[in-house]
Amino acid sequence: MLTPARIASSTLIAAALAACPGGGDTPDAADGVVDFDCQNRLIVELRGPGGEYRTFPDAASGAELVLGFQGFRYMYLRARLGEDPDLAAAAVVVQLDGDTARSQPLYLTFAPVADGVVSAPMQIFFNDDPLPSLVDRGVTVMLVLGLRCTTGGHSVLRYDPSCYEGPDGQPVCDGGP
């Protein structure tokens, strides 16, 4: 479970990432860290079984675990905000139930939608974990954007063994798409 100490550690990782080029608020001259505050407006969307993106608490029912055509294991995540944060560097912190938290740096690109902006789908990898240990396993996901912009929740990795993702990014299933 994400404890305050782990969140603080993850925030430090994100702060280092947020200092990377890509826009954002003015960095603090003392430490070079981007101080972006989304005022709790950041929304995380996980792709569920069937390909539909869901926000928390709906995403708690399941996130699609994808088996890539080269054996990579991942889930898809998108970020949504009311306006473009003009900040590209981010991190996602994931914690499989019973394991320690780990982070993955991300580079976000946003596109306008009717109610703000949404990021391109990002793959969150689980390649260090054997596939059988991931199926129906709980995972806590936290997206960190800047210093004061975090959100996330808990979900369960759902896997359909009859499908994998083809080289063109489209699902390939036994018996057809």
N, C-alpha and C. Protein backbone atom coordinates (compact mmCIF):
# COMPACT_ATOMS: atom_id res chain seq x y z
N MET A 1 0.85 -1.19 0.00
CA MET A 1 0.00 0.00 0.00
C MET A 1 0.88 1.24 0.00
N LEU A 2 0.42 2.27 -0.67
CA LEU A 2 1.19 3.51 -0.71
C LEU A 2 1.07 4.22 0.62
N THR A 3 2.19 4.34 1.32
CA THR A 3 2.23 5.03 2.59
C THR A 3 2.68 6.47 2.36
N PRO A 4 2.49 7.35 3.34
CA PRO A 4 2.97 8.73 3.17
C PRO A 4 4.46 8.79 2.82
N ALA A 5 5.26 7.91 3.40
CA ALA A 5 6.70 7.92 3.10
C ALA A 5 6.94 7.52 1.65
N ARG A 6 6.20 6.54 1.15
CA ARG A 6 6.37 6.13 -0.25
C ARG A 6 5.87 7.21 -1.20
N ILE A 7 4.77 7.86 -0.84
CA ILE A 7 4.26 8.95 -1.67
C ILE A 7 5.29 10.07 -1.71
N ALA A 8 5.87 10.41 -0.56
CA ALA A 8 6.89 11.46 -0.53
C ALA A 8 8.08 11.07 -1.40
N SER A 9 8.50 9.82 -1.30
CA SER A 9 9.61 9.35 -2.13
C SER A 9 9.25 9.42 -3.60
N SER A 10 8.02 9.03 -3.94
CA SER A 10 7.56 9.08 -5.32
C SER A 10 7.47 10.51 -5.81
N THR A 11 7.06 11.41 -4.93
CA THR A 11 6.98 12.81 -5.31
C THR A 11 8.37 13.36 -5.61
N LEU A 12 9.38 12.92 -4.87
CA LEU A 12 10.75 13.34 -5.16
C LEU A 12 11.19 12.85 -6.52
N ILE A 13 10.83 11.62 -6.86
CA ILE A 13 11.16 11.09 -8.17
C ILE A 13 10.48 11.93 -9.24
N ALA A 14 9.21 12.22 -9.03
CA ALA A 14 8.46 13.02 -10.00
C ALA A 14 9.02 14.43 -10.10
N ALA A 15 9.47 14.97 -8.98
CA ALA A 15 10.05 16.30 -9.00
C ALA A 15 11.30 16.33 -9.87
N ALA A 16 12.10 15.30 -9.77
CA ALA A 16 13.28 15.22 -10.60
C ALA A 16 12.89 15.12 -12.07
N LEU A 17 11.86 14.34 -12.35
CA LEU A 17 11.38 14.21 -13.72
C LEU A 17 10.78 15.52 -14.22
N ALA A 18 10.07 16.21 -13.35
CA ALA A 18 9.39 17.43 -13.76
C ALA A 18 10.38 18.53 -14.11
N ALA A 19 11.61 18.43 -13.65
CA ALA A 19 12.61 19.42 -13.97
C ALA A 19 13.13 19.26 -15.40
N CYS A 20 12.74 18.17 -16.06
CA CYS A 20 13.18 17.93 -17.43
C CYS A 20 12.51 18.93 -18.36
N PRO A 21 13.10 19.15 -19.54
CA PRO A 21 12.49 20.07 -20.51
C PRO A 21 11.09 19.60 -20.88
N GLY A 22 10.26 20.55 -21.25
CA GLY A 22 8.92 20.20 -21.70
C GLY A 22 7.90 21.23 -21.27
N GLY A 23 8.33 22.38 -20.80
CA GLY A 23 7.39 23.42 -20.43
C GLY A 23 7.06 23.36 -18.97
N GLY A 24 5.98 23.99 -18.60
CA GLY A 24 5.51 23.96 -17.22
C GLY A 24 5.67 25.32 -16.57
N ASP A 25 5.32 25.37 -15.30
CA ASP A 25 5.46 26.60 -14.54
C ASP A 25 6.92 26.94 -14.38
N THR A 26 7.18 28.13 -13.94
CA THR A 26 8.55 28.57 -13.77
C THR A 26 9.24 27.73 -12.70
N PRO A 27 10.40 27.16 -13.01
CA PRO A 27 11.10 26.37 -12.00
C PRO A 27 11.56 27.25 -10.85
N ASP A 28 11.59 26.70 -9.68
CA ASP A 28 12.12 27.37 -8.51
C ASP A 28 13.62 27.52 -8.73
N ALA A 29 14.12 28.71 -8.63
CA ALA A 29 15.53 28.96 -8.92
C ALA A 29 16.45 28.19 -7.99
N ALA A 30 15.99 27.91 -6.77
CA ALA A 30 16.85 27.25 -5.79
C ALA A 30 17.10 25.79 -6.12
N ASP A 31 16.10 25.09 -6.63
CA ASP A 31 16.31 23.66 -6.82
C ASP A 31 15.95 23.16 -8.22
N GLY A 32 15.48 24.01 -9.11
CA GLY A 32 15.18 23.61 -10.48
C GLY A 32 13.97 22.71 -10.63
N VAL A 33 13.11 22.64 -9.63
CA VAL A 33 11.95 21.75 -9.66
C VAL A 33 10.73 22.52 -10.14
N VAL A 34 9.97 21.94 -11.05
CA VAL A 34 8.75 22.56 -11.54
C VAL A 34 7.67 22.45 -10.48
N ASP A 35 7.08 23.57 -10.12
CA ASP A 35 6.07 23.61 -9.08
C ASP A 35 4.70 23.78 -9.74
N PHE A 36 4.14 22.68 -10.24
CA PHE A 36 2.84 22.71 -10.91
C PHE A 36 1.78 22.21 -9.95
N ASP A 37 0.69 22.96 -9.84
CA ASP A 37 -0.43 22.59 -8.96
C ASP A 37 -1.70 22.53 -9.80
N CYS A 38 -2.27 21.35 -9.96
CA CYS A 38 -3.49 21.20 -10.77
C CYS A 38 -4.75 21.35 -9.93
N GLN A 39 -4.59 21.64 -8.65
CA GLN A 39 -5.71 21.87 -7.73
C GLN A 39 -6.71 20.71 -7.76
N ASN A 40 -6.20 19.49 -7.71
CA ASN A 40 -7.01 18.26 -7.66
C ASN A 40 -7.90 18.08 -8.89
N ARG A 41 -7.49 18.60 -10.03
CA ARG A 41 -8.29 18.46 -11.25
C ARG A 41 -7.74 17.38 -12.19
N LEU A 42 -6.65 16.76 -11.83
CA LEU A 42 -6.07 15.70 -12.66
C LEU A 42 -6.92 14.44 -12.51
N ILE A 43 -7.24 13.80 -13.62
CA ILE A 43 -8.03 12.57 -13.63
C ILE A 43 -7.21 11.48 -14.32
N VAL A 44 -7.17 10.30 -13.72
CA VAL A 44 -6.52 9.14 -14.33
C VAL A 44 -7.59 8.25 -14.91
N GLU A 45 -7.34 7.78 -16.12
CA GLU A 45 -8.23 6.83 -16.78
C GLU A 45 -7.44 5.57 -17.11
N LEU A 46 -7.97 4.42 -16.74
CA LEU A 46 -7.36 3.13 -17.07
C LEU A 46 -8.20 2.44 -18.14
N ARG A 47 -7.53 1.79 -19.08
CA ARG A 47 -8.28 1.04 -20.09
C ARG A 47 -8.72 -0.28 -19.48
N GLY A 48 -10.01 -0.51 -19.51
CA GLY A 48 -10.57 -1.73 -18.95
C GLY A 48 -10.73 -2.80 -20.01
N PRO A 49 -11.11 -4.00 -19.60
CA PRO A 49 -11.41 -5.05 -20.57
C PRO A 49 -12.45 -4.55 -21.57
N GLY A 50 -12.21 -4.79 -22.84
CA GLY A 50 -13.10 -4.29 -23.88
C GLY A 50 -12.62 -3.00 -24.50
N GLY A 51 -11.58 -2.38 -23.92
CA GLY A 51 -10.98 -1.20 -24.52
C GLY A 51 -11.52 0.15 -24.09
N GLU A 52 -12.51 0.19 -23.23
CA GLU A 52 -13.07 1.46 -22.79
C GLU A 52 -12.25 2.02 -21.62
N TYR A 53 -11.96 3.32 -21.66
CA TYR A 53 -11.23 3.97 -20.57
C TYR A 53 -12.21 4.36 -19.48
N ARG A 54 -11.81 4.10 -18.22
CA ARG A 54 -12.65 4.40 -17.06
C ARG A 54 -11.86 5.17 -16.02
N THR A 55 -12.55 6.05 -15.33
CA THR A 55 -11.95 6.79 -14.23
C THR A 55 -12.25 6.06 -12.92
N PHE A 56 -11.55 6.42 -11.86
CA PHE A 56 -11.86 5.87 -10.55
C PHE A 56 -13.11 6.55 -10.04
N PRO A 57 -14.04 5.89 -9.41
CA PRO A 57 -13.99 4.54 -8.87
C PRO A 57 -14.35 3.44 -9.87
N ASP A 58 -14.87 3.79 -11.07
CA ASP A 58 -15.25 2.76 -12.04
C ASP A 58 -14.06 1.89 -12.45
N ALA A 59 -12.88 2.48 -12.52
CA ALA A 59 -11.68 1.73 -12.92
C ALA A 59 -11.28 0.70 -11.87
N ALA A 60 -11.82 0.81 -10.67
CA ALA A 60 -11.48 -0.14 -9.61
C ALA A 60 -11.90 -1.56 -9.96
N SER A 61 -12.89 -1.69 -10.85
CA SER A 61 -13.38 -3.03 -11.20
C SER A 61 -12.44 -3.79 -12.11
N GLY A 62 -11.52 -3.10 -12.75
CA GLY A 62 -10.56 -3.83 -13.57
C GLY A 62 -9.86 -2.98 -14.61
N ALA A 63 -8.56 -3.21 -14.74
CA ALA A 63 -7.73 -2.61 -15.78
C ALA A 63 -7.25 -3.75 -16.67
N GLU A 64 -7.33 -3.53 -17.97
CA GLU A 64 -6.94 -4.57 -18.91
C GLU A 64 -5.43 -4.78 -18.88
N LEU A 65 -5.02 -6.00 -18.60
CA LEU A 65 -3.61 -6.39 -18.68
C LEU A 65 -3.38 -6.87 -20.10
N VAL A 66 -2.48 -6.22 -20.81
CA VAL A 66 -2.24 -6.51 -22.22
C VAL A 66 -0.97 -7.33 -22.35
N LEU A 67 -1.04 -8.35 -23.18
CA LEU A 67 0.15 -9.10 -23.57
C LEU A 67 0.52 -8.62 -24.96
N GLY A 68 1.63 -7.91 -25.06
CA GLY A 68 2.08 -7.37 -26.34
C GLY A 68 2.59 -8.47 -27.25
N PHE A 69 2.69 -8.16 -28.53
CA PHE A 69 3.09 -9.18 -29.51
C PHE A 69 4.51 -9.68 -29.28
N GLN A 70 5.33 -8.95 -28.53
CA GLN A 70 6.68 -9.41 -28.22
C GLN A 70 6.79 -9.91 -26.78
N GLY A 71 5.67 -10.14 -26.14
CA GLY A 71 5.67 -10.68 -24.79
C GLY A 71 5.68 -9.64 -23.68
N PHE A 72 5.70 -8.35 -24.02
CA PHE A 72 5.64 -7.32 -22.99
C PHE A 72 4.28 -7.36 -22.30
N ARG A 73 4.27 -7.02 -21.01
CA ARG A 73 3.05 -7.01 -20.22
C ARG A 73 2.83 -5.58 -19.72
N TYR A 74 1.64 -5.05 -20.00
CA TYR A 74 1.38 -3.66 -19.62
C TYR A 74 -0.12 -3.39 -19.56
N MET A 75 -0.43 -2.23 -18.98
CA MET A 75 -1.80 -1.71 -19.01
C MET A 75 -1.71 -0.31 -19.61
N TYR A 76 -2.84 0.21 -20.05
CA TYR A 76 -2.89 1.55 -20.62
C TYR A 76 -3.49 2.53 -19.63
N LEU A 77 -2.92 3.74 -19.61
CA LEU A 77 -3.36 4.81 -18.73
C LEU A 77 -3.41 6.10 -19.54
N ARG A 78 -4.40 6.93 -19.26
CA ARG A 78 -4.47 8.28 -19.84
C ARG A 78 -4.67 9.28 -18.70
N ALA A 79 -4.24 10.52 -18.96
CA ALA A 79 -4.45 11.62 -18.02
C ALA A 79 -5.41 12.62 -18.64
N ARG A 80 -6.26 13.21 -17.81
CA ARG A 80 -7.23 14.19 -18.29
C ARG A 80 -7.20 15.40 -17.36
N LEU A 81 -7.20 16.60 -17.96
CA LEU A 81 -7.23 17.85 -17.21
C LEU A 81 -8.16 18.83 -17.92
N GLY A 82 -8.59 19.86 -17.19
CA GLY A 82 -9.46 20.88 -17.76
C GLY A 82 -8.75 21.77 -18.76
N GLU A 83 -7.43 21.88 -18.65
CA GLU A 83 -6.66 22.70 -19.58
C GLU A 83 -5.26 22.12 -19.71
N ASP A 84 -4.58 22.48 -20.78
CA ASP A 84 -3.23 21.96 -21.02
C ASP A 84 -2.29 22.47 -19.93
N PRO A 85 -1.61 21.56 -19.21
CA PRO A 85 -0.72 22.00 -18.14
C PRO A 85 0.60 22.55 -18.66
N ASP A 86 0.87 22.43 -19.96
CA ASP A 86 2.14 22.87 -20.55
C ASP A 86 3.31 22.25 -19.79
N LEU A 87 3.14 20.98 -19.45
CA LEU A 87 4.14 20.22 -18.71
C LEU A 87 4.13 18.82 -19.27
N ALA A 88 5.26 18.30 -19.67
CA ALA A 88 5.29 17.00 -20.33
C ALA A 88 5.84 15.89 -19.44
N ALA A 89 6.79 16.19 -18.58
CA ALA A 89 7.41 15.16 -17.76
C ALA A 89 6.51 14.79 -16.59
N ALA A 90 6.36 13.49 -16.38
CA ALA A 90 5.51 12.99 -15.30
C ALA A 90 6.07 11.64 -14.86
N ALA A 91 5.40 11.03 -13.90
CA ALA A 91 5.76 9.68 -13.46
C ALA A 91 4.49 8.99 -13.02
N VAL A 92 4.50 7.68 -13.15
CA VAL A 92 3.41 6.88 -12.61
C VAL A 92 4.05 5.96 -11.57
N VAL A 93 3.40 5.89 -10.42
CA VAL A 93 3.86 5.01 -9.35
C VAL A 93 2.84 3.88 -9.27
N VAL A 94 3.32 2.65 -9.39
CA VAL A 94 2.44 1.49 -9.29
C VAL A 94 2.91 0.61 -8.15
N GLN A 95 1.94 0.00 -7.49
CA GLN A 95 2.25 -0.93 -6.43
C GLN A 95 1.31 -2.11 -6.54
N LEU A 96 1.86 -3.25 -6.94
CA LEU A 96 1.08 -4.48 -6.96
C LEU A 96 0.81 -4.88 -5.52
N ASP A 97 -0.38 -5.38 -5.23
CA ASP A 97 -0.70 -5.80 -3.87
C ASP A 97 0.38 -6.74 -3.36
N GLY A 98 0.92 -6.43 -2.19
CA GLY A 98 1.94 -7.26 -1.56
C GLY A 98 3.36 -6.92 -1.96
N ASP A 99 3.57 -6.00 -2.90
CA ASP A 99 4.91 -5.62 -3.36
C ASP A 99 5.22 -4.18 -2.95
N THR A 100 6.45 -3.78 -3.18
CA THR A 100 6.84 -2.40 -2.94
C THR A 100 6.46 -1.56 -4.15
N ALA A 101 6.32 -0.27 -3.93
CA ALA A 101 5.97 0.65 -5.00
C ALA A 101 7.16 0.82 -5.94
N ARG A 102 6.86 1.07 -7.21
CA ARG A 102 7.89 1.35 -8.21
C ARG A 102 7.36 2.43 -9.13
N SER A 103 8.27 3.13 -9.78
CA SER A 103 7.82 4.22 -10.64
C SER A 103 8.34 4.05 -12.06
N GLN A 104 7.64 4.71 -12.97
CA GLN A 104 8.03 4.70 -14.38
C GLN A 104 7.89 6.14 -14.87
N PRO A 105 8.96 6.70 -15.45
CA PRO A 105 8.84 8.05 -16.00
C PRO A 105 7.96 8.04 -17.24
N LEU A 106 7.27 9.15 -17.46
CA LEU A 106 6.38 9.29 -18.61
C LEU A 106 6.64 10.62 -19.29
N TYR A 107 6.36 10.68 -20.57
CA TYR A 107 6.38 11.94 -21.31
C TYR A 107 4.99 12.11 -21.88
N LEU A 108 4.23 13.06 -21.37
CA LEU A 108 2.84 13.25 -21.75
C LEU A 108 2.69 14.19 -22.94
N THR A 109 1.81 13.84 -23.84
CA THR A 109 1.38 14.75 -24.90
C THR A 109 -0.14 14.83 -24.80
N PHE A 110 -0.65 16.06 -24.79
CA PHE A 110 -2.08 16.28 -24.61
C PHE A 110 -2.73 16.74 -25.91
N ALA A 111 -3.98 16.34 -26.10
CA ALA A 111 -4.79 16.78 -27.23
C ALA A 111 -6.09 17.36 -26.67
N PRO A 112 -6.62 18.39 -27.34
CA PRO A 112 -7.86 18.98 -26.85
C PRO A 112 -9.05 18.04 -27.03
N VAL A 113 -9.95 18.07 -26.05
CA VAL A 113 -11.24 17.38 -26.10
C VAL A 113 -12.28 18.38 -25.60
N ALA A 114 -13.55 18.02 -25.67
CA ALA A 114 -14.64 18.95 -25.34
C ALA A 114 -14.50 19.57 -23.95
N ASP A 115 -14.04 18.81 -22.96
CA ASP A 115 -13.98 19.32 -21.59
C ASP A 115 -12.56 19.59 -21.11
N GLY A 116 -11.60 19.82 -22.02
CA GLY A 116 -10.23 20.11 -21.62
C GLY A 116 -9.23 19.44 -22.53
N VAL A 117 -8.32 18.67 -21.93
CA VAL A 117 -7.30 17.95 -22.68
C VAL A 117 -7.18 16.53 -22.14
N VAL A 118 -6.76 15.61 -23.01
CA VAL A 118 -6.51 14.23 -22.62
C VAL A 118 -5.16 13.83 -23.21
N SER A 119 -4.41 13.05 -22.45
CA SER A 119 -3.10 12.61 -22.93
C SER A 119 -3.25 11.43 -23.88
N ALA A 120 -2.24 11.23 -24.67
CA ALA A 120 -2.18 10.02 -25.48
C ALA A 120 -2.08 8.84 -24.51
N PRO A 121 -2.62 7.67 -24.87
CA PRO A 121 -2.51 6.50 -23.99
C PRO A 121 -1.04 6.15 -23.74
N MET A 122 -0.74 5.81 -22.50
CA MET A 122 0.62 5.44 -22.09
C MET A 122 0.63 4.00 -21.61
N GLN A 123 1.66 3.27 -21.98
CA GLN A 123 1.80 1.89 -21.52
C GLN A 123 2.54 1.89 -20.19
N ILE A 124 1.96 1.23 -19.20
CA ILE A 124 2.57 1.08 -17.89
C ILE A 124 3.00 -0.39 -17.80
N PHE A 125 4.31 -0.61 -17.76
CA PHE A 125 4.87 -1.95 -17.93
C PHE A 125 5.00 -2.74 -16.62
N PHE A 126 4.84 -4.06 -16.77
CA PHE A 126 5.01 -5.03 -15.68
C PHE A 126 5.93 -6.16 -16.17
N ASN A 127 6.96 -5.84 -16.94
CA ASN A 127 7.80 -6.86 -17.57
C ASN A 127 8.66 -7.65 -16.59
N ASP A 128 8.87 -7.14 -15.40
CA ASP A 128 9.68 -7.87 -14.41
C ASP A 128 8.85 -8.90 -13.65
N ASP A 129 7.57 -8.97 -13.94
CA ASP A 129 6.68 -9.88 -13.23
C ASP A 129 6.18 -10.96 -14.19
N PRO A 130 6.21 -12.22 -13.77
CA PRO A 130 5.66 -13.28 -14.63
C PRO A 130 4.16 -13.07 -14.84
N LEU A 131 3.70 -13.33 -16.04
CA LEU A 131 2.29 -13.13 -16.38
C LEU A 131 1.34 -13.79 -15.38
N PRO A 132 1.56 -15.07 -14.98
CA PRO A 132 0.60 -15.69 -14.05
C PRO A 132 0.47 -14.94 -12.72
N SER A 133 1.54 -14.26 -12.28
CA SER A 133 1.47 -13.54 -11.01
C SER A 133 0.72 -12.22 -11.12
N LEU A 134 0.43 -11.78 -12.33
CA LEU A 134 -0.26 -10.51 -12.54
C LEU A 134 -1.78 -10.66 -12.70
N VAL A 135 -2.21 -11.82 -13.16
CA VAL A 135 -3.62 -12.04 -13.48
C VAL A 135 -4.49 -11.91 -12.23
N ASP A 136 -5.49 -11.05 -12.30
CA ASP A 136 -6.44 -10.78 -11.21
C ASP A 136 -5.77 -10.26 -9.94
N ARG A 137 -4.66 -9.60 -10.11
CA ARG A 137 -3.93 -9.03 -8.98
C ARG A 137 -4.26 -7.55 -8.83
N GLY A 138 -4.40 -7.12 -7.60
CA GLY A 138 -4.67 -5.72 -7.32
C GLY A 138 -3.45 -4.85 -7.56
N VAL A 139 -3.70 -3.62 -8.00
CA VAL A 139 -2.62 -2.67 -8.26
C VAL A 139 -3.10 -1.27 -7.89
N THR A 140 -2.26 -0.56 -7.17
CA THR A 140 -2.51 0.84 -6.87
C THR A 140 -1.72 1.67 -7.87
N VAL A 141 -2.38 2.64 -8.47
CA VAL A 141 -1.78 3.47 -9.51
C VAL A 141 -1.87 4.93 -9.07
N MET A 142 -0.74 5.64 -9.13
CA MET A 142 -0.73 7.06 -8.81
C MET A 142 0.03 7.80 -9.91
N LEU A 143 -0.61 8.78 -10.53
CA LEU A 143 0.03 9.61 -11.54
C LEU A 143 0.52 10.88 -10.87
N VAL A 144 1.77 11.24 -11.12
CA VAL A 144 2.40 12.40 -10.50
C VAL A 144 2.82 13.35 -11.61
N LEU A 145 2.29 14.56 -11.57
CA LEU A 145 2.58 15.59 -12.58
C LEU A 145 3.01 16.84 -11.84
N GLY A 146 4.27 17.19 -11.92
CA GLY A 146 4.78 18.32 -11.15
C GLY A 146 4.89 17.96 -9.68
N LEU A 147 4.98 18.98 -8.85
CA LEU A 147 5.15 18.75 -7.41
C LEU A 147 3.84 18.54 -6.66
N ARG A 148 2.78 19.22 -7.08
CA ARG A 148 1.56 19.20 -6.29
C ARG A 148 0.36 18.73 -7.10
N CYS A 149 0.59 17.79 -7.99
CA CYS A 149 -0.50 17.31 -8.82
C CYS A 149 -0.41 15.78 -8.89
N THR A 150 -1.17 15.12 -8.04
CA THR A 150 -1.16 13.65 -8.00
C THR A 150 -2.60 13.15 -7.89
N THR A 151 -2.83 12.00 -8.47
CA THR A 151 -4.12 11.35 -8.33
C THR A 151 -3.97 9.88 -8.70
N GLY A 152 -4.91 9.08 -8.29
CA GLY A 152 -4.86 7.66 -8.62
C GLY A 152 -5.90 6.88 -7.86
N GLY A 153 -5.70 5.59 -7.81
CA GLY A 153 -6.63 4.71 -7.13
C GLY A 153 -6.17 3.27 -7.22
N HIS A 154 -7.05 2.37 -6.84
CA HIS A 154 -6.74 0.94 -6.82
C HIS A 154 -7.60 0.23 -7.85
N SER A 155 -7.02 -0.73 -8.56
CA SER A 155 -7.73 -1.51 -9.55
C SER A 155 -7.24 -2.95 -9.49
N VAL A 156 -7.77 -3.78 -10.37
CA VAL A 156 -7.37 -5.19 -10.48
C VAL A 156 -7.00 -5.45 -11.93
N LEU A 157 -5.86 -6.10 -12.16
CA LEU A 157 -5.42 -6.42 -13.51
C LEU A 157 -6.23 -7.59 -14.06
N ARG A 158 -6.94 -7.37 -15.15
CA ARG A 158 -7.77 -8.39 -15.79
C ARG A 158 -7.12 -8.81 -17.10
N TYR A 159 -7.07 -10.11 -17.35
CA TYR A 159 -6.36 -10.63 -18.51
C TYR A 159 -7.23 -11.62 -19.26
N ASP A 160 -7.27 -11.49 -20.59
CA ASP A 160 -7.98 -12.42 -21.46
C ASP A 160 -6.92 -13.22 -22.22
N PRO A 161 -6.69 -14.49 -21.87
CA PRO A 161 -5.62 -15.27 -22.50
C PRO A 161 -5.85 -15.55 -23.98
N SER A 162 -7.06 -15.30 -24.48
CA SER A 162 -7.31 -15.55 -25.90
C SER A 162 -6.90 -14.36 -26.77
N CYS A 163 -6.42 -13.26 -26.16
CA CYS A 163 -6.07 -12.06 -26.92
C CYS A 163 -4.65 -11.59 -26.61
N TYR A 164 -4.04 -10.97 -27.61
CA TYR A 164 -2.78 -10.25 -27.44
C TYR A 164 -2.83 -9.04 -28.34
N GLU A 165 -1.89 -8.12 -28.16
CA GLU A 165 -1.87 -6.92 -28.97
C GLU A 165 -0.90 -7.12 -30.13
N GLY A 166 -1.39 -6.92 -31.33
CA GLY A 166 -0.58 -7.10 -32.53
C GLY A 166 0.38 -5.95 -32.75
N PRO A 167 1.30 -6.08 -33.72
CA PRO A 167 2.31 -5.05 -33.97
C PRO A 167 1.72 -3.71 -34.36
N ASP A 168 0.48 -3.68 -34.84
CA ASP A 168 -0.17 -2.41 -35.20
C ASP A 168 -0.95 -1.81 -34.05
N GLY A 169 -0.86 -2.43 -32.85
CA GLY A 169 -1.56 -1.94 -31.67
C GLY A 169 -2.99 -2.41 -31.55
N GLN A 170 -3.45 -3.18 -32.49
CA GLN A 170 -4.82 -3.68 -32.46
C GLN A 170 -4.88 -5.05 -31.80
N PRO A 171 -5.95 -5.35 -31.06
CA PRO A 171 -6.05 -6.67 -30.41
C PRO A 171 -6.23 -7.78 -31.42
N VAL A 172 -5.58 -8.88 -31.15
CA VAL A 172 -5.73 -10.09 -31.95
C VAL A 172 -6.23 -11.17 -31.00
N CYS A 173 -7.40 -11.73 -31.28
CA CYS A 173 -8.00 -12.73 -30.40
C CYS A 173 -8.26 -14.01 -31.15
N ASP A 174 -8.18 -15.14 -30.45
CA ASP A 174 -8.54 -16.43 -31.06
C ASP A 174 -9.98 -16.34 -31.50
N GLY A 175 -10.24 -16.71 -32.75
CA GLY A 175 -11.59 -16.64 -33.25
C GLY A 175 -11.94 -15.28 -33.84
N GLY A 176 -10.96 -14.39 -34.00
CA GLY A 176 -11.21 -13.08 -34.62
C GLY A 176 -11.05 -11.94 -33.65
N PRO A 177 -11.12 -10.70 -34.15
CA PRO A 177 -10.91 -9.51 -33.30
C PRO A 177 -12.05 -9.26 -32.34
